[in-house]
Amino acid sequence: MSSPPHAVRRARDRTAGEPGGELDHHTAPEAHAAPPGLVLHPSRQLVLGLGGLTSCDSTGITFLTITRNHASAPRASRTVGR
């Protein structure tokens, strides 16, 4: 089990989150603690780079869904990439 690093980068028009390692029932609680840095505004895009994930179980999928909903709340657009 490896804890996912939570790189958050900000640019003028987007915020990028890059979880890495395993995103599962062991690491998701830590991942849930990271999103406060993801402050979104309607004109910003949330980009999730998933290329660093080595595995993702149903709890990890739930985390990604919650993150998506977090981005949807202020009507920011979102992109999930590899």
PDB file of N, CA and C in Angstrom:
ATOM      1  N   MET A   1       0.852  -1.174   0.000  1.00  0.00           N
ATOM      2  CA  MET A   1       0.000   0.000   0.000  1.00  0.00           C
ATOM      3  C   MET A   1       0.893   1.230   0.000  1.00  0.00           C
ATOM      4  N   SER A   2       0.742   2.085  -0.984  1.00  0.00           N
ATOM      5  CA  SER A   2       1.499   3.332  -1.006  1.00  0.00           C
ATOM      6  C   SER A   2       0.535   4.497  -0.950  1.00  0.00           C
ATOM      7  N   SER A   3       0.910   5.486  -0.198  1.00  0.00           N
ATOM      8  CA  SER A   3       0.060   6.662  -0.037  1.00  0.00           C
ATOM      9  C   SER A   3       0.179   7.551  -1.265  1.00  0.00           C
ATOM     10  N   PRO A   4      -0.964   8.019  -1.810  1.00  0.00           N
ATOM     11  CA  PRO A   4      -0.875   8.844  -3.003  1.00  0.00           C
ATOM     12  C   PRO A   4      -0.350  10.233  -2.708  1.00  0.00           C
ATOM     13  N   PRO A   5       0.644  10.691  -3.471  1.00  0.00           N
ATOM     14  CA  PRO A   5       1.039  12.088  -3.338  1.00  0.00           C
ATOM     15  C   PRO A   5      -0.062  12.951  -3.941  1.00  0.00           C
ATOM     16  N   HIS A   6      -0.200  14.128  -3.444  1.00  0.00           N
ATOM     17  CA  HIS A   6      -1.296  14.988  -3.886  1.00  0.00           C
ATOM     18  C   HIS A   6      -0.738  16.285  -4.431  1.00  0.00           C
ATOM     19  N   ALA A   7      -0.174  16.205  -5.600  1.00  0.00           N
ATOM     20  CA  ALA A   7       0.343  17.407  -6.230  1.00  0.00           C
ATOM     21  C   ALA A   7      -0.836  18.238  -6.717  1.00  0.00           C
ATOM     22  N   VAL A   8      -0.864  19.481  -6.317  1.00  0.00           N
ATOM     23  CA  VAL A   8      -1.897  20.414  -6.791  1.00  0.00           C
ATOM     24  C   VAL A   8      -1.165  21.584  -7.421  1.00  0.00           C
ATOM     25  N   ARG A   9      -1.444  21.806  -8.689  1.00  0.00           N
ATOM     26  CA  ARG A   9      -0.835  22.934  -9.400  1.00  0.00           C
ATOM     27  C   ARG A   9      -1.933  23.876  -9.838  1.00  0.00           C
ATOM     28  N   ARG A  10      -1.614  25.148  -9.820  1.00  0.00           N
ATOM     29  CA  ARG A  10      -2.580  26.160 -10.244  1.00  0.00           C
ATOM     30  C   ARG A  10      -2.006  26.971 -11.389  1.00  0.00           C
ATOM     31  N   ALA A  11      -2.813  27.211 -12.376  1.00  0.00           N
ATOM     32  CA  ALA A  11      -2.479  28.105 -13.473  1.00  0.00           C
ATOM     33  C   ALA A  11      -3.584  29.145 -13.524  1.00  0.00           C
ATOM     34  N   ARG A  12      -3.451  30.076 -14.426  1.00  0.00           N
ATOM     35  CA  ARG A  12      -4.430  31.165 -14.499  1.00  0.00           C
ATOM     36  C   ARG A  12      -5.857  30.672 -14.683  1.00  0.00           C
ATOM     37  N   ASP A  13      -6.037  29.645 -15.517  1.00  0.00           N
ATOM     38  CA  ASP A  13      -7.384  29.195 -15.845  1.00  0.00           C
ATOM     39  C   ASP A  13      -7.709  27.789 -15.373  1.00  0.00           C
ATOM     40  N   ARG A  14      -6.786  27.134 -14.639  1.00  0.00           N
ATOM     41  CA  ARG A  14      -7.077  25.767 -14.214  1.00  0.00           C
ATOM     42  C   ARG A  14      -6.352  25.408 -12.932  1.00  0.00           C
ATOM     43  N   THR A  15      -6.893  24.388 -12.268  1.00  0.00           N
ATOM     44  CA  THR A  15      -6.255  23.768 -11.120  1.00  0.00           C
ATOM     45  C   THR A  15      -6.063  22.309 -11.485  1.00  0.00           C
ATOM     46  N   ALA A  16      -4.865  21.788 -11.312  1.00  0.00           N
ATOM     47  CA  ALA A  16      -4.573  20.402 -11.666  1.00  0.00           C
ATOM     48  C   ALA A  16      -4.250  19.613 -10.407  1.00  0.00           C
ATOM     49  N   GLY A  17      -4.944  18.511 -10.225  1.00  0.00           N
ATOM     50  CA  GLY A  17      -4.671  17.589  -9.134  1.00  0.00           C
ATOM     51  C   GLY A  17      -4.106  16.307  -9.701  1.00  0.00           C
ATOM     52  N   GLU A  18      -3.047  15.780  -9.083  1.00  0.00           N
ATOM     53  CA  GLU A  18      -2.393  14.589  -9.606  1.00  0.00           C
ATOM     54  C   GLU A  18      -2.174  13.568  -8.494  1.00  0.00           C
ATOM     55  N   PRO A  19      -3.200  12.764  -8.191  1.00  0.00           N
ATOM     56  CA  PRO A  19      -2.975  11.704  -7.211  1.00  0.00           C
ATOM     57  C   PRO A  19      -2.067  10.648  -7.816  1.00  0.00           C
ATOM     58  N   GLY A  20      -1.311   9.961  -6.982  1.00  0.00           N
ATOM     59  CA  GLY A  20      -0.411   8.925  -7.477  1.00  0.00           C
ATOM     60  C   GLY A  20      -0.386   7.751  -6.524  1.00  0.00           C
ATOM     61  N   GLY A  21       0.169   6.645  -6.978  1.00  0.00           N
ATOM     62  CA  GLY A  21       0.218   5.435  -6.159  1.00  0.00           C
ATOM     63  C   GLY A  21      -1.131   4.746  -6.153  1.00  0.00           C
ATOM     64  N   GLU A  22      -1.497   4.196  -5.021  1.00  0.00           N
ATOM     65  CA  GLU A  22      -2.767   3.494  -4.878  1.00  0.00           C
ATOM     66  C   GLU A  22      -3.834   4.433  -4.349  1.00  0.00           C
ATOM     67  N   LEU A  23      -4.986   4.382  -4.932  1.00  0.00           N
ATOM     68  CA  LEU A  23      -6.137   5.145  -4.442  1.00  0.00           C
ATOM     69  C   LEU A  23      -7.201   4.119  -4.084  1.00  0.00           C
ATOM     70  N   ASP A  24      -7.199   3.729  -2.804  1.00  0.00           N
ATOM     71  CA  ASP A  24      -8.078   2.657  -2.356  1.00  0.00           C
ATOM     72  C   ASP A  24      -8.607   2.955  -0.956  1.00  0.00           C
ATOM     73  N   HIS A  25      -9.238   1.965  -0.336  1.00  0.00           N
ATOM     74  CA  HIS A  25      -9.852   2.200   0.968  1.00  0.00           C
ATOM     75  C   HIS A  25      -8.830   2.538   2.043  1.00  0.00           C
ATOM     76  N   HIS A  26      -7.559   2.235   1.829  1.00  0.00           N
ATOM     77  CA  HIS A  26      -6.518   2.593   2.796  1.00  0.00           C
ATOM     78  C   HIS A  26      -6.056   4.037   2.613  1.00  0.00           C
ATOM     79  N   THR A  27      -5.999   4.512   1.386  1.00  0.00           N
ATOM     80  CA  THR A  27      -5.432   5.836   1.111  1.00  0.00           C
ATOM     81  C   THR A  27      -6.473   6.918   0.835  1.00  0.00           C
ATOM     82  N   ALA A  28      -7.714   6.528   0.543  1.00  0.00           N
ATOM     83  CA  ALA A  28      -8.749   7.522   0.219  1.00  0.00           C
ATOM     84  C   ALA A  28      -8.988   8.528   1.350  1.00  0.00           C
ATOM     85  N   PRO A  29      -8.977   8.116   2.635  1.00  0.00           N
ATOM     86  CA  PRO A  29      -9.166   9.136   3.681  1.00  0.00           C
ATOM     87  C   PRO A  29      -8.115  10.243   3.619  1.00  0.00           C
ATOM     88  N   GLU A  30      -6.866   9.878   3.324  1.00  0.00           N
ATOM     89  CA  GLU A  30      -5.818  10.887   3.182  1.00  0.00           C
ATOM     90  C   GLU A  30      -6.075  11.750   1.945  1.00  0.00           C
ATOM     91  N   ALA A  31      -6.529  11.120   0.880  1.00  0.00           N
ATOM     92  CA  ALA A  31      -6.835  11.858  -0.344  1.00  0.00           C
ATOM     93  C   ALA A  31      -7.977  12.838  -0.103  1.00  0.00           C
ATOM     94  N   HIS A  32      -8.965  12.444   0.687  1.00  0.00           N
ATOM     95  CA  HIS A  32     -10.084  13.342   0.996  1.00  0.00           C
ATOM     96  C   HIS A  32      -9.614  14.556   1.781  1.00  0.00           C
ATOM     97  N   ALA A  33      -8.537  14.415   2.540  1.00  0.00           N
ATOM     98  CA  ALA A  33      -8.007  15.539   3.311  1.00  0.00           C
ATOM     99  C   ALA A  33      -7.283  16.541   2.418  1.00  0.00           C
ATOM    100  N   ALA A  34      -6.859  16.129   1.223  1.00  0.00           N
ATOM    101  CA  ALA A  34      -6.089  16.997   0.342  1.00  0.00           C
ATOM    102  C   ALA A  34      -6.909  18.050  -0.406  1.00  0.00           C
ATOM    103  N   PRO A  35      -8.155  17.778  -0.856  1.00  0.00           N
ATOM    104  CA  PRO A  35      -8.854  18.734  -1.699  1.00  0.00           C
ATOM    105  C   PRO A  35      -9.100  20.142  -1.173  1.00  0.00           C
ATOM    106  N   PRO A  36      -8.927  20.485   0.121  1.00  0.00           N
ATOM    107  CA  PRO A  36      -9.110  21.898   0.463  1.00  0.00           C
ATOM    108  C   PRO A  36      -8.256  22.848  -0.372  1.00  0.00           C
ATOM    109  N   GLY A  37      -7.134  22.380  -0.910  1.00  0.00           N
ATOM    110  CA  GLY A  37      -6.332  23.200  -1.808  1.00  0.00           C
ATOM    111  C   GLY A  37      -6.973  23.394  -3.167  1.00  0.00           C
ATOM    112  N   LEU A  38      -8.002  22.625  -3.430  1.00  0.00           N
ATOM    113  CA  LEU A  38      -8.690  22.715  -4.713  1.00  0.00           C
ATOM    114  C   LEU A  38      -9.841  23.709  -4.625  1.00  0.00           C
ATOM    115  N   VAL A  39      -9.512  24.963  -4.488  1.00  0.00           N
ATOM    116  CA  VAL A  39     -10.518  26.012  -4.467  1.00  0.00           C
ATOM    117  C   VAL A  39     -10.845  26.353  -5.911  1.00  0.00           C
ATOM    118  N   LEU A  40     -12.097  26.177  -6.288  1.00  0.00           N
ATOM    119  CA  LEU A  40     -12.482  26.359  -7.681  1.00  0.00           C
ATOM    120  C   LEU A  40     -13.389  27.562  -7.844  1.00  0.00           C
ATOM    121  N   HIS A  41     -13.308  28.144  -8.992  1.00  0.00           N
ATOM    122  CA  HIS A  41     -14.141  29.282  -9.359  1.00  0.00           C
ATOM    123  C   HIS A  41     -14.782  28.956 -10.697  1.00  0.00           C
ATOM    124  N   PRO A  42     -15.904  29.573 -11.024  1.00  0.00           N
ATOM    125  CA  PRO A  42     -16.598  29.242 -12.266  1.00  0.00           C
ATOM    126  C   PRO A  42     -15.739  29.354 -13.520  1.00  0.00           C
ATOM    127  N   SER A  43     -14.751  30.201 -13.526  1.00  0.00           N
ATOM    128  CA  SER A  43     -13.938  30.373 -14.733  1.00  0.00           C
ATOM    129  C   SER A  43     -12.726  29.440 -14.780  1.00  0.00           C
ATOM    130  N   ARG A  44     -12.569  28.578 -13.767  1.00  0.00           N
ATOM    131  CA  ARG A  44     -11.404  27.685 -13.713  1.00  0.00           C
ATOM    132  C   ARG A  44     -11.809  26.269 -14.067  1.00  0.00           C
ATOM    133  N   GLN A  45     -10.869  25.532 -14.607  1.00  0.00           N
ATOM    134  CA  GLN A  45     -11.072  24.133 -14.960  1.00  0.00           C
ATOM    135  C   GLN A  45     -10.311  23.265 -13.974  1.00  0.00           C
ATOM    136  N   LEU A  46     -10.926  22.177 -13.522  1.00  0.00           N
ATOM    137  CA  LEU A  46     -10.244  21.188 -12.689  1.00  0.00           C
ATOM    138  C   LEU A  46      -9.741  20.085 -13.610  1.00  0.00           C
ATOM    139  N   VAL A  47      -8.454  19.794 -13.537  1.00  0.00           N
ATOM    140  CA  VAL A  47      -7.841  18.734 -14.341  1.00  0.00           C
ATOM    141  C   VAL A  47      -7.297  17.690 -13.370  1.00  0.00           C
ATOM    142  N   LEU A  48      -7.722  16.448 -13.532  1.00  0.00           N
ATOM    143  CA  LEU A  48      -7.195  15.353 -12.722  1.00  0.00           C
ATOM    144  C   LEU A  48      -6.297  14.492 -13.599  1.00  0.00           C
ATOM    145  N   GLY A  49      -5.027  14.452 -13.274  1.00  0.00           N
ATOM    146  CA  GLY A  49      -4.084  13.606 -13.999  1.00  0.00           C
ATOM    147  C   GLY A  49      -3.969  12.276 -13.273  1.00  0.00           C
ATOM    148  N   LEU A  50      -4.416  11.214 -13.895  1.00  0.00           N
ATOM    149  CA  LEU A  50      -4.457   9.916 -13.235  1.00  0.00           C
ATOM    150  C   LEU A  50      -3.331   8.982 -13.674  1.00  0.00           C
ATOM    151  N   GLY A  51      -2.391   9.492 -14.451  1.00  0.00           N
ATOM    152  CA  GLY A  51      -1.300   8.665 -14.942  1.00  0.00           C
ATOM    153  C   GLY A  51      -0.408   8.095 -13.857  1.00  0.00           C
ATOM    154  N   GLY A  52      -0.365   8.714 -12.691  1.00  0.00           N
ATOM    155  CA  GLY A  52       0.475   8.233 -11.603  1.00  0.00           C
ATOM    156  C   GLY A  52      -0.193   7.200 -10.714  1.00  0.00           C
ATOM    157  N   LEU A  53      -1.473   6.900 -10.955  1.00  0.00           N
ATOM    158  CA  LEU A  53      -2.158   5.887 -10.147  1.00  0.00           C
ATOM    159  C   LEU A  53      -1.690   4.495 -10.558  1.00  0.00           C
ATOM    160  N   THR A  54      -1.401   3.672  -9.551  1.00  0.00           N
ATOM    161  CA  THR A  54      -1.033   2.285  -9.837  1.00  0.00           C
ATOM    162  C   THR A  54      -2.214   1.354  -9.654  1.00  0.00           C
ATOM    163  N   SER A  55      -3.190   1.747  -8.828  1.00  0.00           N
ATOM    164  CA  SER A  55      -4.427   0.986  -8.668  1.00  0.00           C
ATOM    165  C   SER A  55      -5.493   1.896  -8.087  1.00  0.00           C
ATOM    166  N   CYS A  56      -6.737   1.508  -8.319  1.00  0.00           N
ATOM    167  CA  CYS A  56      -7.863   2.310  -7.842  1.00  0.00           C
ATOM    168  C   CYS A  56      -9.047   1.367  -7.621  1.00  0.00           C
ATOM    169  N   ASP A  57      -9.506   1.261  -6.370  1.00  0.00           N
ATOM    170  CA  ASP A  57     -10.654   0.404  -6.097  1.00  0.00           C
ATOM    171  C   ASP A  57     -11.928   1.246  -6.056  1.00  0.00           C
ATOM    172  N   SER A  58     -13.025   0.659  -5.618  1.00  0.00           N
ATOM    173  CA  SER A  58     -14.309   1.375  -5.616  1.00  0.00           C
ATOM    174  C   SER A  58     -14.277   2.596  -4.702  1.00  0.00           C
ATOM    175  N   THR A  59     -13.497   2.550  -3.636  1.00  0.00           N
ATOM    176  CA  THR A  59     -13.376   3.717  -2.759  1.00  0.00           C
ATOM    177  C   THR A  59     -12.642   4.841  -3.483  1.00  0.00           C
ATOM    178  N   GLY A  60     -11.645   4.490  -4.281  1.00  0.00           N
ATOM    179  CA  GLY A  60     -10.941   5.481  -5.090  1.00  0.00           C
ATOM    180  C   GLY A  60     -11.858   6.098  -6.128  1.00  0.00           C
ATOM    181  N   ILE A  61     -12.716   5.274  -6.747  1.00  0.00           N
ATOM    182  CA  ILE A  61     -13.696   5.786  -7.709  1.00  0.00           C
ATOM    183  C   ILE A  61     -14.649   6.749  -7.010  1.00  0.00           C
ATOM    184  N   THR A  62     -15.049   6.411  -5.781  1.00  0.00           N
ATOM    185  CA  THR A  62     -15.916   7.310  -5.007  1.00  0.00           C
ATOM    186  C   THR A  62     -15.211   8.636  -4.758  1.00  0.00           C
ATOM    187  N   PHE A  63     -13.926   8.591  -4.413  1.00  0.00           N
ATOM    188  CA  PHE A  63     -13.157   9.817  -4.210  1.00  0.00           C
ATOM    189  C   PHE A  63     -13.168  10.672  -5.479  1.00  0.00           C
ATOM    190  N   LEU A  64     -12.951  10.042  -6.637  1.00  0.00           N
ATOM    191  CA  LEU A  64     -12.952  10.783  -7.903  1.00  0.00           C
ATOM    192  C   LEU A  64     -14.324  11.386  -8.188  1.00  0.00           C
ATOM    193  N   THR A  65     -15.381  10.658  -7.841  1.00  0.00           N
ATOM    194  CA  THR A  65     -16.741  11.173  -8.033  1.00  0.00           C
ATOM    195  C   THR A  65     -16.998  12.372  -7.122  1.00  0.00           C
ATOM    196  N   ILE A  66     -16.569  12.283  -5.876  1.00  0.00           N
ATOM    197  CA  ILE A  66     -16.739  13.406  -4.937  1.00  0.00           C
ATOM    198  C   ILE A  66     -15.961  14.616  -5.433  1.00  0.00           C
ATOM    199  N   THR A  67     -14.747  14.383  -5.947  1.00  0.00           N
ATOM    200  CA  THR A  67     -13.945  15.478  -6.490  1.00  0.00           C
ATOM    201  C   THR A  67     -14.648  16.112  -7.681  1.00  0.00           C
ATOM    202  N   ARG A  68     -15.244  15.274  -8.527  1.00  0.00           N
ATOM    203  CA  ARG A  68     -16.005  15.778  -9.666  1.00  0.00           C
ATOM    204  C   ARG A  68     -17.178  16.639  -9.194  1.00  0.00           C
ATOM    205  N   ASN A  69     -17.885  16.154  -8.179  1.00  0.00           N
ATOM    206  CA  ASN A  69     -19.011  16.924  -7.641  1.00  0.00           C
ATOM    207  C   ASN A  69     -18.537  18.236  -7.030  1.00  0.00           C
ATOM    208  N   HIS A  70     -17.376  18.206  -6.399  1.00  0.00           N
ATOM    209  CA  HIS A  70     -16.784  19.415  -5.827  1.00  0.00           C
ATOM    210  C   HIS A  70     -16.541  20.450  -6.931  1.00  0.00           C
ATOM    211  N   ALA A  71     -16.065  19.961  -8.079  1.00  0.00           N
ATOM    212  CA  ALA A  71     -15.813  20.858  -9.215  1.00  0.00           C
ATOM    213  C   ALA A  71     -17.113  21.350  -9.823  1.00  0.00           C
ATOM    214  N   SER A  72     -18.152  20.529  -9.773  1.00  0.00           N
ATOM    215  CA  SER A  72     -19.432  20.904 -10.372  1.00  0.00           C
ATOM    216  C   SER A  72     -20.161  21.974  -9.561  1.00  0.00           C
ATOM    217  N   ALA A  73     -19.919  22.001  -8.270  1.00  0.00           N
ATOM    218  CA  ALA A  73     -20.642  22.924  -7.400  1.00  0.00           C
ATOM    219  C   ALA A  73     -20.529  24.379  -7.852  1.00  0.00           C
ATOM    220  N   PRO A  74     -19.323  24.897  -8.121  1.00  0.00           N
ATOM    221  CA  PRO A  74     -19.239  26.291  -8.567  1.00  0.00           C
ATOM    222  C   PRO A  74     -19.345  26.433 -10.086  1.00  0.00           C
ATOM    223  N   ARG A  75     -19.775  25.363 -10.748  1.00  0.00           N
ATOM    224  CA  ARG A  75     -19.924  25.337 -12.210  1.00  0.00           C
ATOM    225  C   ARG A  75     -18.583  25.470 -12.936  1.00  0.00           C
ATOM    226  N   ALA A  76     -17.524  25.002 -12.308  1.00  0.00           N
ATOM    227  CA  ALA A  76     -16.226  24.946 -12.996  1.00  0.00           C
ATOM    228  C   ALA A  76     -16.256  23.748 -13.939  1.00  0.00           C
ATOM    229  N   SER A  77     -15.533  23.816 -15.021  1.00  0.00           N
ATOM    230  CA  SER A  77     -15.455  22.670 -15.911  1.00  0.00           C
ATOM    231  C   SER A  77     -14.404  21.707 -15.375  1.00  0.00           C
ATOM    232  N   ARG A  78     -14.408  20.459 -15.854  1.00  0.00           N
ATOM    233  CA  ARG A  78     -13.449  19.484 -15.348  1.00  0.00           C
ATOM    234  C   ARG A  78     -13.011  18.557 -16.476  1.00  0.00           C
ATOM    235  N   THR A  79     -11.801  18.038 -16.302  1.00  0.00           N
ATOM    236  CA  THR A  79     -11.213  17.116 -17.272  1.00  0.00           C
ATOM    237  C   THR A  79     -10.479  16.042 -16.492  1.00  0.00           C
ATOM    238  N   VAL A  80     -10.646  14.795 -16.895  1.00  0.00           N
ATOM    239  CA  VAL A  80      -9.896  13.695 -16.300  1.00  0.00           C
ATOM    240  C   VAL A  80      -8.996  13.162 -17.399  1.00  0.00           C
ATOM    241  N   GLY A  81      -7.707  13.074 -17.114  1.00  0.00           N
ATOM    242  CA  GLY A  81      -6.764  12.640 -18.128  1.00  0.00           C
ATOM    243  C   GLY A  81      -5.786  11.621 -17.602  1.00  0.00           C
ATOM    244  N   ARG A  82      -4.954  11.186 -18.472  1.00  0.00           N
ATOM    245  CA  ARG A  82      -3.930  10.209 -18.113  1.00  0.00           C
ATOM    246  C   ARG A  82      -2.577  10.802 -18.293  1.00  0.00           C
TER     247      ARG A  82
END
